[in-house]
Amino acid sequence: MKNNLEEIRKERGIRQEDLARELEVSRQTISSLEKGRYNPSIQLAFKIAKFFNMSIEEIFIYEEE
């Protein structure tokens, strides 16, 4: 699944470490999400969207295979 997480995070001046701490995940999880190697659980997707005050669809792009 593609996402805009890295762009959004950088636009807001937030480090991976700080986002990870806020979301209670590892920095490696944030890195994997940004590189598209890991798809978030629905719970984590909601937490990310809430943190950035955005909708899940604004952050994560679903593509049918």
PDB file of N, CA and C in Angstrom:
ATOM      1  N   MET A   1       0.848  -1.174   0.000  1.00  0.00           N
ATOM      2  CA  MET A   1       0.000   0.000   0.000  1.00  0.00           C
ATOM      3  C   MET A   1       0.894   1.237   0.000  1.00  0.00           C
ATOM      4  N   LYS A   2       0.604   2.143  -0.896  1.00  0.00           N
ATOM      5  CA  LYS A   2       1.357   3.395  -0.933  1.00  0.00           C
ATOM      6  C   LYS A   2       0.823   4.336   0.137  1.00  0.00           C
ATOM      7  N   ASN A   3       1.668   5.305   0.511  1.00  0.00           N
ATOM      8  CA  ASN A   3       1.217   6.290   1.495  1.00  0.00           C
ATOM      9  C   ASN A   3       2.006   7.580   1.354  1.00  0.00           C
ATOM     10  N   ASN A   4       1.484   8.609   1.989  1.00  0.00           N
ATOM     11  CA  ASN A   4       2.113   9.930   1.996  1.00  0.00           C
ATOM     12  C   ASN A   4       2.709  10.243   3.365  1.00  0.00           C
ATOM     13  N   LEU A   5       2.934   9.223   4.156  1.00  0.00           N
ATOM     14  CA  LEU A   5       3.338   9.434   5.538  1.00  0.00           C
ATOM     15  C   LEU A   5       4.640  10.220   5.649  1.00  0.00           C
ATOM     16  N   GLU A   6       5.651   9.841   4.885  1.00  0.00           N
ATOM     17  CA  GLU A   6       6.943  10.524   4.985  1.00  0.00           C
ATOM     18  C   GLU A   6       6.818  11.998   4.628  1.00  0.00           C
ATOM     19  N   GLU A   7       6.098  12.309   3.555  1.00  0.00           N
ATOM     20  CA  GLU A   7       5.929  13.696   3.135  1.00  0.00           C
ATOM     21  C   GLU A   7       5.186  14.512   4.202  1.00  0.00           C
ATOM     22  N   ILE A   8       4.135  13.938   4.728  1.00  0.00           N
ATOM     23  CA  ILE A   8       3.337  14.631   5.752  1.00  0.00           C
ATOM     24  C   ILE A   8       4.182  14.866   7.002  1.00  0.00           C
ATOM     25  N   ARG A   9       4.908  13.835   7.418  1.00  0.00           N
ATOM     26  CA  ARG A   9       5.746  13.944   8.617  1.00  0.00           C
ATOM     27  C   ARG A   9       6.800  15.032   8.441  1.00  0.00           C
ATOM     28  N   LYS A  10       7.470  15.035   7.290  1.00  0.00           N
ATOM     29  CA  LYS A  10       8.524  16.016   7.041  1.00  0.00           C
ATOM     30  C   LYS A  10       7.966  17.432   6.920  1.00  0.00           C
ATOM     31  N   GLU A  11       6.804  17.577   6.269  1.00  0.00           N
ATOM     32  CA  GLU A  11       6.169  18.895   6.152  1.00  0.00           C
ATOM     33  C   GLU A  11       5.905  19.506   7.519  1.00  0.00           C
ATOM     34  N   ARG A  12       5.611  18.660   8.471  1.00  0.00           N
ATOM     35  CA  ARG A  12       5.283  19.132   9.818  1.00  0.00           C
ATOM     36  C   ARG A  12       6.489  19.162  10.748  1.00  0.00           C
ATOM     37  N   GLY A  13       7.651  18.818  10.215  1.00  0.00           N
ATOM     38  CA  GLY A  13       8.881  18.898  10.987  1.00  0.00           C
ATOM     39  C   GLY A  13       8.961  17.894  12.125  1.00  0.00           C
ATOM     40  N   ILE A  14       8.414  16.704  11.904  1.00  0.00           N
ATOM     41  CA  ILE A  14       8.391  15.670  12.944  1.00  0.00           C
ATOM     42  C   ILE A  14       9.401  14.584  12.572  1.00  0.00           C
ATOM     43  N   ARG A  15      10.253  14.218  13.510  1.00  0.00           N
ATOM     44  CA  ARG A  15      11.224  13.148  13.284  1.00  0.00           C
ATOM     45  C   ARG A  15      10.538  11.795  13.427  1.00  0.00           C
ATOM     46  N   GLN A  16      11.108  10.791  12.765  1.00  0.00           N
ATOM     47  CA  GLN A  16      10.561   9.436  12.878  1.00  0.00           C
ATOM     48  C   GLN A  16      10.496   8.996  14.337  1.00  0.00           C
ATOM     49  N   GLU A  17      11.540   9.316  15.091  1.00  0.00           N
ATOM     50  CA  GLU A  17      11.597   8.917  16.504  1.00  0.00           C
ATOM     51  C   GLU A  17      10.449   9.516  17.298  1.00  0.00           C
ATOM     52  N   ASP A  18      10.154  10.780  17.024  1.00  0.00           N
ATOM     53  CA  ASP A  18       9.085  11.468  17.763  1.00  0.00           C
ATOM     54  C   ASP A  18       7.710  10.920  17.396  1.00  0.00           C
ATOM     55  N   LEU A  19       7.504  10.653  16.115  1.00  0.00           N
ATOM     56  CA  LEU A  19       6.233  10.072  15.687  1.00  0.00           C
ATOM     57  C   LEU A  19       6.065   8.685  16.289  1.00  0.00           C
ATOM     58  N   ALA A  20       7.127   7.899  16.268  1.00  0.00           N
ATOM     59  CA  ALA A  20       7.077   6.554  16.838  1.00  0.00           C
ATOM     60  C   ALA A  20       6.700   6.606  18.319  1.00  0.00           C
ATOM     61  N   ARG A  21       7.297   7.528  19.047  1.00  0.00           N
ATOM     62  CA  ARG A  21       6.994   7.659  20.477  1.00  0.00           C
ATOM     63  C   ARG A  21       5.519   8.014  20.683  1.00  0.00           C
ATOM     64  N   GLU A  22       5.016   8.942  19.902  1.00  0.00           N
ATOM     65  CA  GLU A  22       3.610   9.357  20.027  1.00  0.00           C
ATOM     66  C   GLU A  22       2.650   8.206  19.725  1.00  0.00           C
ATOM     67  N   LEU A  23       3.022   7.364  18.762  1.00  0.00           N
ATOM     68  CA  LEU A  23       2.143   6.276  18.332  1.00  0.00           C
ATOM     69  C   LEU A  23       2.404   4.972  19.086  1.00  0.00           C
ATOM     70  N   GLU A  24       3.421   4.996  19.940  1.00  0.00           N
ATOM     71  CA  GLU A  24       3.801   3.819  20.733  1.00  0.00           C
ATOM     72  C   GLU A  24       4.203   2.643  19.849  1.00  0.00           C
ATOM     73  N   VAL A  25       5.022   2.947  18.844  1.00  0.00           N
ATOM     74  CA  VAL A  25       5.618   1.918  17.981  1.00  0.00           C
ATOM     75  C   VAL A  25       7.112   2.226  17.876  1.00  0.00           C
ATOM     76  N   SER A  26       7.855   1.356  17.216  1.00  0.00           N
ATOM     77  CA  SER A  26       9.291   1.586  17.054  1.00  0.00           C
ATOM     78  C   SER A  26       9.552   2.525  15.871  1.00  0.00           C
ATOM     79  N   ARG A  27      10.737   3.129  15.871  1.00  0.00           N
ATOM     80  CA  ARG A  27      11.135   3.959  14.748  1.00  0.00           C
ATOM     81  C   ARG A  27      11.221   3.115  13.489  1.00  0.00           C
ATOM     82  N   GLN A  28      11.618   1.849  13.644  1.00  0.00           N
ATOM     83  CA  GLN A  28      11.710   0.938  12.503  1.00  0.00           C
ATOM     84  C   GLN A  28      10.339   0.709  11.875  1.00  0.00           C
ATOM     85  N   THR A  29       9.287   0.684  12.699  1.00  0.00           N
ATOM     86  CA  THR A  29       7.930   0.543  12.167  1.00  0.00           C
ATOM     87  C   THR A  29       7.581   1.739  11.292  1.00  0.00           C
ATOM     88  N   ILE A  30       7.904   2.940  11.760  1.00  0.00           N
ATOM     89  CA  ILE A  30       7.630   4.154  10.977  1.00  0.00           C
ATOM     90  C   ILE A  30       8.407   4.104   9.665  1.00  0.00           C
ATOM     91  N   SER A  31       9.670   3.739   9.736  1.00  0.00           N
ATOM     92  CA  SER A  31      10.492   3.642   8.533  1.00  0.00           C
ATOM     93  C   SER A  31       9.906   2.629   7.545  1.00  0.00           C
ATOM     94  N   SER A  32       9.506   1.473   8.044  1.00  0.00           N
ATOM     95  CA  SER A  32       8.923   0.438   7.181  1.00  0.00           C
ATOM     96  C   SER A  32       7.612   0.890   6.557  1.00  0.00           C
ATOM     97  N   LEU A  33       6.801   1.604   7.317  1.00  0.00           N
ATOM     98  CA  LEU A  33       5.556   2.151   6.777  1.00  0.00           C
ATOM     99  C   LEU A  33       5.862   3.120   5.641  1.00  0.00           C
ATOM    100  N   GLU A  34       6.794   4.034   5.881  1.00  0.00           N
ATOM    101  CA  GLU A  34       7.118   5.051   4.881  1.00  0.00           C
ATOM    102  C   GLU A  34       7.673   4.446   3.601  1.00  0.00           C
ATOM    103  N   LYS A  35       8.410   3.365   3.706  1.00  0.00           N
ATOM    104  CA  LYS A  35       8.996   2.707   2.528  1.00  0.00           C
ATOM    105  C   LYS A  35       8.039   1.712   1.878  1.00  0.00           C
ATOM    106  N   GLY A  36       6.841   1.541   2.455  1.00  0.00           N
ATOM    107  CA  GLY A  36       5.853   0.644   1.885  1.00  0.00           C
ATOM    108  C   GLY A  36       6.140  -0.824   2.115  1.00  0.00           C
ATOM    109  N   ARG A  37       7.043  -1.127   3.049  1.00  0.00           N
ATOM    110  CA  ARG A  37       7.373  -2.527   3.339  1.00  0.00           C
ATOM    111  C   ARG A  37       6.410  -3.140   4.346  1.00  0.00           C
ATOM    112  N   TYR A  38       5.594  -2.308   4.956  1.00  0.00           N
ATOM    113  CA  TYR A  38       4.708  -2.763   6.028  1.00  0.00           C
ATOM    114  C   TYR A  38       3.393  -2.015   5.917  1.00  0.00           C
ATOM    115  N   ASN A  39       2.290  -2.734   5.977  1.00  0.00           N
ATOM    116  CA  ASN A  39       0.974  -2.109   5.989  1.00  0.00           C
ATOM    117  C   ASN A  39       0.505  -2.027   7.437  1.00  0.00           C
ATOM    118  N   PRO A  40      -0.024  -0.882   7.829  1.00  0.00           N
ATOM    119  CA  PRO A  40      -0.424  -0.728   9.228  1.00  0.00           C
ATOM    120  C   PRO A  40      -1.699  -1.509   9.541  1.00  0.00           C
ATOM    121  N   SER A  41      -1.827  -1.866  10.797  1.00  0.00           N
ATOM    122  CA  SER A  41      -3.106  -2.402  11.251  1.00  0.00           C
ATOM    123  C   SER A  41      -4.126  -1.272  11.142  1.00  0.00           C
ATOM    124  N   ILE A  42      -5.384  -1.618  11.144  1.00  0.00           N
ATOM    125  CA  ILE A  42      -6.416  -0.577  11.075  1.00  0.00           C
ATOM    126  C   ILE A  42      -6.318   0.349  12.286  1.00  0.00           C
ATOM    127  N   GLN A  43      -5.974  -0.225  13.438  1.00  0.00           N
ATOM    128  CA  GLN A  43      -5.830   0.583  14.650  1.00  0.00           C
ATOM    129  C   GLN A  43      -4.685   1.583  14.493  1.00  0.00           C
ATOM    130  N   LEU A  44      -3.551   1.146  13.972  1.00  0.00           N
ATOM    131  CA  LEU A  44      -2.423   2.060  13.785  1.00  0.00           C
ATOM    132  C   LEU A  44      -2.748   3.108  12.723  1.00  0.00           C
ATOM    133  N   ALA A  45      -3.430   2.713  11.660  1.00  0.00           N
ATOM    134  CA  ALA A  45      -3.823   3.679  10.624  1.00  0.00           C
ATOM    135  C   ALA A  45      -4.706   4.773  11.219  1.00  0.00           C
ATOM    136  N   PHE A  46      -5.640   4.402  12.087  1.00  0.00           N
ATOM    137  CA  PHE A  46      -6.492   5.393  12.745  1.00  0.00           C
ATOM    138  C   PHE A  46      -5.679   6.298  13.667  1.00  0.00           C
ATOM    139  N   LYS A  47      -4.719   5.727  14.398  1.00  0.00           N
ATOM    140  CA  LYS A  47      -3.883   6.522  15.302  1.00  0.00           C
ATOM    141  C   LYS A  47      -3.059   7.541  14.524  1.00  0.00           C
ATOM    142  N   ILE A  48      -2.509   7.112  13.385  1.00  0.00           N
ATOM    143  CA  ILE A  48      -1.721   8.023  12.546  1.00  0.00           C
ATOM    144  C   ILE A  48      -2.604   9.147  12.014  1.00  0.00           C
ATOM    145  N   ALA A  49      -3.765   8.784  11.485  1.00  0.00           N
ATOM    146  CA  ALA A  49      -4.688   9.791  10.947  1.00  0.00           C
ATOM    147  C   ALA A  49      -5.110  10.776  12.031  1.00  0.00           C
ATOM    148  N   LYS A  50      -5.415  10.280  13.206  1.00  0.00           N
ATOM    149  CA  LYS A  50      -5.819  11.156  14.312  1.00  0.00           C
ATOM    150  C   LYS A  50      -4.674  12.081  14.713  1.00  0.00           C
ATOM    151  N   PHE A  51      -3.457  11.542  14.786  1.00  0.00           N
ATOM    152  CA  PHE A  51      -2.297  12.352  15.163  1.00  0.00           C
ATOM    153  C   PHE A  51      -2.133  13.532  14.217  1.00  0.00           C
ATOM    154  N   PHE A  52      -2.277  13.281  12.907  1.00  0.00           N
ATOM    155  CA  PHE A  52      -2.089  14.337  11.917  1.00  0.00           C
ATOM    156  C   PHE A  52      -3.375  15.111  11.620  1.00  0.00           C
ATOM    157  N   ASN A  53      -4.473  14.743  12.277  1.00  0.00           N
ATOM    158  CA  ASN A  53      -5.769  15.389  12.056  1.00  0.00           C
ATOM    159  C   ASN A  53      -6.163  15.319  10.578  1.00  0.00           C
ATOM    160  N   MET A  54      -6.034  14.116  10.031  1.00  0.00           N
ATOM    161  CA  MET A  54      -6.358  13.864   8.632  1.00  0.00           C
ATOM    162  C   MET A  54      -7.184  12.589   8.562  1.00  0.00           C
ATOM    163  N   SER A  55      -7.735  12.327   7.380  1.00  0.00           N
ATOM    164  CA  SER A  55      -8.436  11.055   7.188  1.00  0.00           C
ATOM    165  C   SER A  55      -7.417   9.991   6.785  1.00  0.00           C
ATOM    166  N   ILE A  56      -7.762   8.744   7.016  1.00  0.00           N
ATOM    167  CA  ILE A  56      -6.887   7.638   6.616  1.00  0.00           C
ATOM    168  C   ILE A  56      -6.619   7.712   5.110  1.00  0.00           C
ATOM    169  N   GLU A  57      -7.636   8.045   4.335  1.00  0.00           N
ATOM    170  CA  GLU A  57      -7.499   8.091   2.871  1.00  0.00           C
ATOM    171  C   GLU A  57      -6.542   9.185   2.415  1.00  0.00           C
ATOM    172  N   GLU A  58      -6.355  10.224   3.219  1.00  0.00           N
ATOM    173  CA  GLU A  58      -5.413  11.286   2.861  1.00  0.00           C
ATOM    174  C   GLU A  58      -3.962  10.834   3.060  1.00  0.00           C
ATOM    175  N   ILE A  59      -3.769   9.818   3.865  1.00  0.00           N
ATOM    176  CA  ILE A  59      -2.417   9.336   4.181  1.00  0.00           C
ATOM    177  C   ILE A  59      -2.080   8.064   3.413  1.00  0.00           C
ATOM    178  N   PHE A  60      -3.032   7.119   3.376  1.00  0.00           N
ATOM    179  CA  PHE A  60      -2.794   5.810   2.774  1.00  0.00           C
ATOM    180  C   PHE A  60      -3.592   5.669   1.493  1.00  0.00           C
ATOM    181  N   ILE A  61      -2.910   5.194   0.439  1.00  0.00           N
ATOM    182  CA  ILE A  61      -3.538   5.048  -0.874  1.00  0.00           C
ATOM    183  C   ILE A  61      -3.739   3.573  -1.174  1.00  0.00           C
ATOM    184  N   TYR A  62      -4.996   3.172  -1.229  1.00  0.00           N
ATOM    185  CA  TYR A  62      -5.322   1.773  -1.504  1.00  0.00           C
ATOM    186  C   TYR A  62      -5.320   1.552  -3.007  1.00  0.00           C
ATOM    187  N   GLU A  63      -4.591   0.537  -3.430  1.00  0.00           N
ATOM    188  CA  GLU A  63      -4.567   0.169  -4.850  1.00  0.00           C
ATOM    189  C   GLU A  63      -4.948  -1.290  -4.991  1.00  0.00           C
ATOM    190  N   GLU A  64      -5.960  -1.551  -5.789  1.00  0.00           N
ATOM    191  CA  GLU A  64      -6.344  -2.949  -6.026  1.00  0.00           C
ATOM    192  C   GLU A  64      -5.290  -3.589  -6.898  1.00  0.00           C
ATOM    193  N   GLU A  65      -5.031  -4.858  -6.623  1.00  0.00           N
ATOM    194  CA  GLU A  65      -3.992  -5.550  -7.392  1.00  0.00           C
ATOM    195  C   GLU A  65      -4.563  -6.262  -8.576  1.00  0.00           C
TER     196      GLU A  65
END
